[in-house]
Amino acid sequence: MTESQNPADDVFDVSRIRDLIELMKEFDLSEVDLRQEKQRICLRRGGSATAPVFSAPPAAAVAASTPAAAPPPVSATTQAGDEPNMALIRSPMVGTFYLRSNPKSEPFVKVGDRVSKETTVCMVEAMKVFNEIPAEVSGTIVAVLVDEEDAVDFGRPLFKVDTSK
């Protein structure tokens, strides 16, 4: 922070972050992404290791709100809808998607590549830790479903794999 910058204007001010967290809770927001000059803060709710506790909402509220799609199964791969022999490789965590280990290197995989269960298909950065993501399925990559440096949530489809090839 520069000396001329007012601490109340600082996006990283602890009291401001606490206020943002309270607003996220109040309005049931899952993510807030703020940028100030070259600084950035991204706050995300959810994805904790503990199971959330739910209470029954009033009967009128049930009809008014439709719940989001059920979370994906624990496995990082699932069948791709009604397409036989197609599987999805899903993100096992919240983070930033990388198809390469560095900007100058070749992608881990591309469309048409054959993968085994142990093949590293991408990396997801979470809290400055780069996690290599294995395919967990054997087959041929038929689609990359996210772009380089996209933010991904737990369970988001990353790749479509034809398991018959």
C-alpha atoms as a PDB file:
ATOM      1  CA  MET A   1       0.000   0.000   0.000  1.00  0.00           C
ATOM      2  CA  THR A   2       1.387   3.387  -0.891  1.00  0.00           C
ATOM      3  CA  GLU A   3       1.550   6.148   1.686  1.00  0.00           C
ATOM      4  CA  SER A   4      -0.921   8.253  -0.301  1.00  0.00           C
ATOM      5  CA  GLN A   5      -3.465   5.446  -0.355  1.00  0.00           C
ATOM      6  CA  ASN A   6      -6.120   5.623   2.327  1.00  0.00           C
ATOM      7  CA  PRO A   7      -6.265   2.383   4.409  1.00  0.00           C
ATOM      8  CA  ALA A   8     -10.076   2.512   4.145  1.00  0.00           C
ATOM      9  CA  ASP A   9      -9.675   2.145   0.350  1.00  0.00           C
ATOM     10  CA  ASP A  10      -7.436  -0.931   0.667  1.00  0.00           C
ATOM     11  CA  VAL A  11      -9.154  -4.042  -0.747  1.00  0.00           C
ATOM     12  CA  PHE A  12      -7.087  -6.161   1.677  1.00  0.00           C
ATOM     13  CA  ASP A  13      -8.206  -4.327   4.829  1.00  0.00           C
ATOM     14  CA  VAL A  14      -9.216  -7.023   7.348  1.00  0.00           C
ATOM     15  CA  SER A  15     -12.395  -5.262   8.440  1.00  0.00           C
ATOM     16  CA  ARG A  16     -13.432  -4.844   4.789  1.00  0.00           C
ATOM     17  CA  ILE A  17     -12.809  -8.563   4.171  1.00  0.00           C
ATOM     18  CA  ARG A  18     -14.922  -9.439   7.213  1.00  0.00           C
ATOM     19  CA  ASP A  19     -17.706  -7.188   5.909  1.00  0.00           C
ATOM     20  CA  LEU A  20     -17.513  -8.923   2.524  1.00  0.00           C
ATOM     21  CA  ILE A  21     -17.757 -12.335   4.177  1.00  0.00           C
ATOM     22  CA  GLU A  22     -20.838 -11.219   6.100  1.00  0.00           C
ATOM     23  CA  LEU A  23     -22.414  -9.917   2.862  1.00  0.00           C
ATOM     24  CA  MET A  24     -21.627 -13.220   1.165  1.00  0.00           C
ATOM     25  CA  LYS A  25     -23.432 -15.060   3.962  1.00  0.00           C
ATOM     26  CA  GLU A  26     -26.355 -12.628   4.010  1.00  0.00           C
ATOM     27  CA  PHE A  27     -26.971 -12.824   0.255  1.00  0.00           C
ATOM     28  CA  ASP A  28     -25.867 -16.469  -0.124  1.00  0.00           C
ATOM     29  CA  LEU A  29     -23.058 -15.596  -2.554  1.00  0.00           C
ATOM     30  CA  SER A  30     -20.558 -18.312  -3.411  1.00  0.00           C
ATOM     31  CA  GLU A  31     -17.816 -16.032  -4.796  1.00  0.00           C
ATOM     32  CA  VAL A  32     -16.621 -12.420  -4.709  1.00  0.00           C
ATOM     33  CA  ASP A  33     -13.710 -11.357  -6.939  1.00  0.00           C
ATOM     34  CA  LEU A  34     -12.272  -7.868  -6.335  1.00  0.00           C
ATOM     35  CA  ARG A  35      -9.442  -6.105  -8.124  1.00  0.00           C
ATOM     36  CA  GLN A  36      -7.710  -2.890  -7.099  1.00  0.00           C
ATOM     37  CA  GLU A  37      -4.966  -1.717  -9.433  1.00  0.00           C
ATOM     38  CA  LYS A  38      -2.643  -4.747  -9.600  1.00  0.00           C
ATOM     39  CA  GLN A  39      -4.018  -6.373  -6.452  1.00  0.00           C
ATOM     40  CA  ARG A  40      -6.740  -8.983  -6.442  1.00  0.00           C
ATOM     41  CA  ILE A  41      -8.722 -10.847  -3.821  1.00  0.00           C
ATOM     42  CA  CYS A  42     -11.103 -13.674  -4.546  1.00  0.00           C
ATOM     43  CA  LEU A  43     -13.311 -14.990  -1.744  1.00  0.00           C
ATOM     44  CA  ARG A  44     -15.159 -18.279  -2.216  1.00  0.00           C
ATOM     45  CA  ARG A  45     -17.605 -20.027   0.056  1.00  0.00           C
ATOM     46  CA  GLY A  46     -18.259 -23.746   0.112  1.00  0.00           C
ATOM     47  CA  GLY A  47     -16.078 -26.712  -0.717  1.00  0.00           C
ATOM     48  CA  SER A  48     -15.229 -27.333   2.929  1.00  0.00           C
ATOM     49  CA  ALA A  49     -14.332 -30.799   4.138  1.00  0.00           C
ATOM     50  CA  THR A  50     -17.212 -30.894   6.614  1.00  0.00           C
ATOM     51  CA  ALA A  51     -20.734 -31.646   5.512  1.00  0.00           C
ATOM     52  CA  PRO A  52     -23.093 -28.667   5.721  1.00  0.00           C
ATOM     53  CA  VAL A  53     -26.009 -28.788   8.134  1.00  0.00           C
ATOM     54  CA  PHE A  54     -29.384 -28.131   6.534  1.00  0.00           C
ATOM     55  CA  SER A  55     -32.598 -27.189   8.263  1.00  0.00           C
ATOM     56  CA  ALA A  56     -36.020 -27.564   6.692  1.00  0.00           C
ATOM     57  CA  PRO A  57     -37.126 -24.294   5.049  1.00  0.00           C
ATOM     58  CA  PRO A  58     -40.676 -23.052   5.401  1.00  0.00           C
ATOM     59  CA  ALA A  59     -43.112 -24.839   3.057  1.00  0.00           C
ATOM     60  CA  ALA A  60     -43.703 -21.703   0.934  1.00  0.00           C
ATOM     61  CA  ALA A  61     -39.973 -21.240   0.364  1.00  0.00           C
ATOM     62  CA  VAL A  62     -39.614 -24.751  -1.050  1.00  0.00           C
ATOM     63  CA  ALA A  63     -41.918 -23.985  -3.968  1.00  0.00           C
ATOM     64  CA  ALA A  64     -40.308 -20.593  -4.596  1.00  0.00           C
ATOM     65  CA  SER A  65     -36.741 -21.775  -4.919  1.00  0.00           C
ATOM     66  CA  THR A  66     -35.447 -24.666  -6.956  1.00  0.00           C
ATOM     67  CA  PRO A  67     -32.306 -26.219  -5.476  1.00  0.00           C
ATOM     68  CA  ALA A  68     -29.149 -26.288  -7.561  1.00  0.00           C
ATOM     69  CA  ALA A  69     -28.140 -29.506  -9.255  1.00  0.00           C
ATOM     70  CA  ALA A  70     -26.970 -32.196  -6.888  1.00  0.00           C
ATOM     71  CA  PRO A  71     -23.220 -32.179  -6.315  1.00  0.00           C
ATOM     72  CA  PRO A  72     -21.255 -34.639  -8.428  1.00  0.00           C
ATOM     73  CA  PRO A  73     -20.232 -37.958  -6.938  1.00  0.00           C
ATOM     74  CA  VAL A  74     -16.975 -38.153  -5.018  1.00  0.00           C
ATOM     75  CA  SER A  75     -15.212 -39.702  -8.024  1.00  0.00           C
ATOM     76  CA  ALA A  76     -13.458 -37.254 -10.347  1.00  0.00           C
ATOM     77  CA  THR A  77     -14.974 -39.017 -13.381  1.00  0.00           C
ATOM     78  CA  THR A  78     -18.619 -39.529 -14.269  1.00  0.00           C
ATOM     79  CA  GLN A  79     -20.572 -40.678 -17.283  1.00  0.00           C
ATOM     80  CA  ALA A  80     -21.275 -37.897 -19.782  1.00  0.00           C
ATOM     81  CA  GLY A  81     -25.062 -37.744 -19.751  1.00  0.00           C
ATOM     82  CA  ASP A  82     -26.748 -40.251 -22.032  1.00  0.00           C
ATOM     83  CA  GLU A  83     -23.708 -40.711 -24.296  1.00  0.00           C
ATOM     84  CA  PRO A  84     -22.459 -44.296 -24.066  1.00  0.00           C
ATOM     85  CA  ASN A  85     -18.711 -44.764 -23.642  1.00  0.00           C
ATOM     86  CA  MET A  86     -18.228 -41.091 -22.718  1.00  0.00           C
ATOM     87  CA  ALA A  87     -16.862 -39.991 -19.370  1.00  0.00           C
ATOM     88  CA  LEU A  88     -16.173 -36.591 -17.866  1.00  0.00           C
ATOM     89  CA  ILE A  89     -13.032 -35.773 -15.934  1.00  0.00           C
ATOM     90  CA  ARG A  90     -14.188 -33.352 -13.254  1.00  0.00           C
ATOM     91  CA  SER A  91     -12.254 -30.943 -11.068  1.00  0.00           C
ATOM     92  CA  PRO A  92     -11.650 -32.480  -7.634  1.00  0.00           C
ATOM     93  CA  MET A  93     -11.261 -29.018  -6.074  1.00  0.00           C
ATOM     94  CA  VAL A  94     -11.835 -25.302  -6.426  1.00  0.00           C
ATOM     95  CA  GLY A  95      -8.973 -23.449  -8.081  1.00  0.00           C
ATOM     96  CA  THR A  96      -7.446 -22.216 -11.318  1.00  0.00           C
ATOM     97  CA  PHE A  97      -7.181 -24.580 -14.300  1.00  0.00           C
ATOM     98  CA  TYR A  98      -3.869 -24.973 -16.138  1.00  0.00           C
ATOM     99  CA  LEU A  99      -3.385 -27.196 -19.182  1.00  0.00           C
ATOM    100  CA  ARG A 100       0.427 -26.718 -19.075  1.00  0.00           C
ATOM    101  CA  SER A 101       3.033 -26.846 -16.339  1.00  0.00           C
ATOM    102  CA  ASN A 102       4.321 -23.436 -17.531  1.00  0.00           C
ATOM    103  CA  PRO A 103       3.391 -21.039 -20.351  1.00  0.00           C
ATOM    104  CA  LYS A 104       6.177 -22.274 -22.660  1.00  0.00           C
ATOM    105  CA  SER A 105       5.622 -26.010 -22.236  1.00  0.00           C
ATOM    106  CA  GLU A 106       3.377 -28.326 -24.236  1.00  0.00           C
ATOM    107  CA  PRO A 107      -0.093 -29.087 -22.823  1.00  0.00           C
ATOM    108  CA  PHE A 108      -0.381 -32.196 -20.658  1.00  0.00           C
ATOM    109  CA  VAL A 109      -3.025 -33.521 -23.088  1.00  0.00           C
ATOM    110  CA  LYS A 110      -4.917 -32.332 -26.154  1.00  0.00           C
ATOM    111  CA  VAL A 111      -7.900 -33.568 -28.147  1.00  0.00           C
ATOM    112  CA  GLY A 112      -7.078 -36.944 -29.688  1.00  0.00           C
ATOM    113  CA  ASP A 113      -4.553 -37.981 -27.009  1.00  0.00           C
ATOM    114  CA  ARG A 114      -4.937 -41.401 -25.410  1.00  0.00           C
ATOM    115  CA  VAL A 115      -4.895 -41.335 -21.589  1.00  0.00           C
ATOM    116  CA  SER A 116      -4.698 -43.964 -18.882  1.00  0.00           C
ATOM    117  CA  LYS A 117      -5.959 -43.704 -15.310  1.00  0.00           C
ATOM    118  CA  GLU A 118      -2.565 -42.404 -14.138  1.00  0.00           C
ATOM    119  CA  THR A 119      -2.049 -39.830 -16.934  1.00  0.00           C
ATOM    120  CA  THR A 120      -1.774 -36.246 -15.654  1.00  0.00           C
ATOM    121  CA  VAL A 121      -4.267 -34.234 -17.708  1.00  0.00           C
ATOM    122  CA  CYS A 122      -3.939 -30.789 -16.097  1.00  0.00           C
ATOM    123  CA  MET A 123      -3.119 -28.880 -12.934  1.00  0.00           C
ATOM    124  CA  VAL A 124      -5.454 -27.005 -10.619  1.00  0.00           C
ATOM    125  CA  GLU A 125      -3.898 -24.298  -8.481  1.00  0.00           C
ATOM    126  CA  ALA A 126      -5.448 -23.866  -5.072  1.00  0.00           C
ATOM    127  CA  MET A 127      -3.895 -21.523  -2.516  1.00  0.00           C
ATOM    128  CA  LYS A 128      -0.572 -21.292  -4.403  1.00  0.00           C
ATOM    129  CA  VAL A 129      -0.299 -25.107  -4.572  1.00  0.00           C
ATOM    130  CA  PHE A 130      -0.315 -26.678  -8.036  1.00  0.00           C
ATOM    131  CA  ASN A 131      -2.132 -30.018  -7.914  1.00  0.00           C
ATOM    132  CA  GLU A 132      -1.620 -32.474 -10.777  1.00  0.00           C
ATOM    133  CA  ILE A 133      -4.943 -34.002 -11.797  1.00  0.00           C
ATOM    134  CA  PRO A 134      -4.906 -37.606 -13.077  1.00  0.00           C
ATOM    135  CA  ALA A 135      -7.411 -38.798 -15.686  1.00  0.00           C
ATOM    136  CA  GLU A 136      -8.753 -41.607 -13.440  1.00  0.00           C
ATOM    137  CA  VAL A 137     -10.207 -43.131 -16.626  1.00  0.00           C
ATOM    138  CA  SER A 138      -8.706 -44.689 -19.756  1.00  0.00           C
ATOM    139  CA  GLY A 139      -9.684 -43.513 -23.222  1.00  0.00           C
ATOM    140  CA  THR A 140      -9.223 -40.752 -25.773  1.00  0.00           C
ATOM    141  CA  ILE A 141      -9.674 -37.044 -25.005  1.00  0.00           C
ATOM    142  CA  VAL A 142     -12.484 -35.782 -27.264  1.00  0.00           C
ATOM    143  CA  ALA A 143     -12.966 -32.313 -25.737  1.00  0.00           C
ATOM    144  CA  VAL A 144     -11.285 -29.850 -23.387  1.00  0.00           C
ATOM    145  CA  LEU A 145     -14.196 -28.132 -21.646  1.00  0.00           C
ATOM    146  CA  VAL A 146     -12.422 -25.200 -19.937  1.00  0.00           C
ATOM    147  CA  ASP A 147      -9.930 -22.557 -21.001  1.00  0.00           C
ATOM    148  CA  GLU A 148      -6.447 -21.990 -19.639  1.00  0.00           C
ATOM    149  CA  GLU A 149      -6.526 -20.079 -16.309  1.00  0.00           C
ATOM    150  CA  ASP A 150     -10.305 -20.440 -15.884  1.00  0.00           C
ATOM    151  CA  ALA A 151     -11.552 -20.591 -12.317  1.00  0.00           C
ATOM    152  CA  VAL A 152     -13.054 -24.026 -11.689  1.00  0.00           C
ATOM    153  CA  ASP A 153     -15.334 -25.256  -8.940  1.00  0.00           C
ATOM    154  CA  PHE A 154     -15.449 -28.674  -7.343  1.00  0.00           C
ATOM    155  CA  GLY A 155     -17.064 -31.083  -9.797  1.00  0.00           C
ATOM    156  CA  ARG A 156     -16.802 -28.854 -12.883  1.00  0.00           C
ATOM    157  CA  PRO A 157     -16.269 -30.928 -16.045  1.00  0.00           C
ATOM    158  CA  LEU A 158     -12.757 -30.387 -17.430  1.00  0.00           C
ATOM    159  CA  PHE A 159     -12.454 -33.009 -20.184  1.00  0.00           C
ATOM    160  CA  LYS A 160     -14.703 -35.361 -22.133  1.00  0.00           C
ATOM    161  CA  VAL A 161     -13.166 -38.813 -22.705  1.00  0.00           C
ATOM    162  CA  ASP A 162     -14.279 -41.569 -25.094  1.00  0.00           C
ATOM    163  CA  THR A 163     -13.674 -44.750 -23.086  1.00  0.00           C
ATOM    164  CA  SER A 164     -14.292 -47.043 -26.069  1.00  0.00           C
ATOM    165  CA  LYS A 165     -11.117 -45.952 -27.858  1.00  0.00           C
END
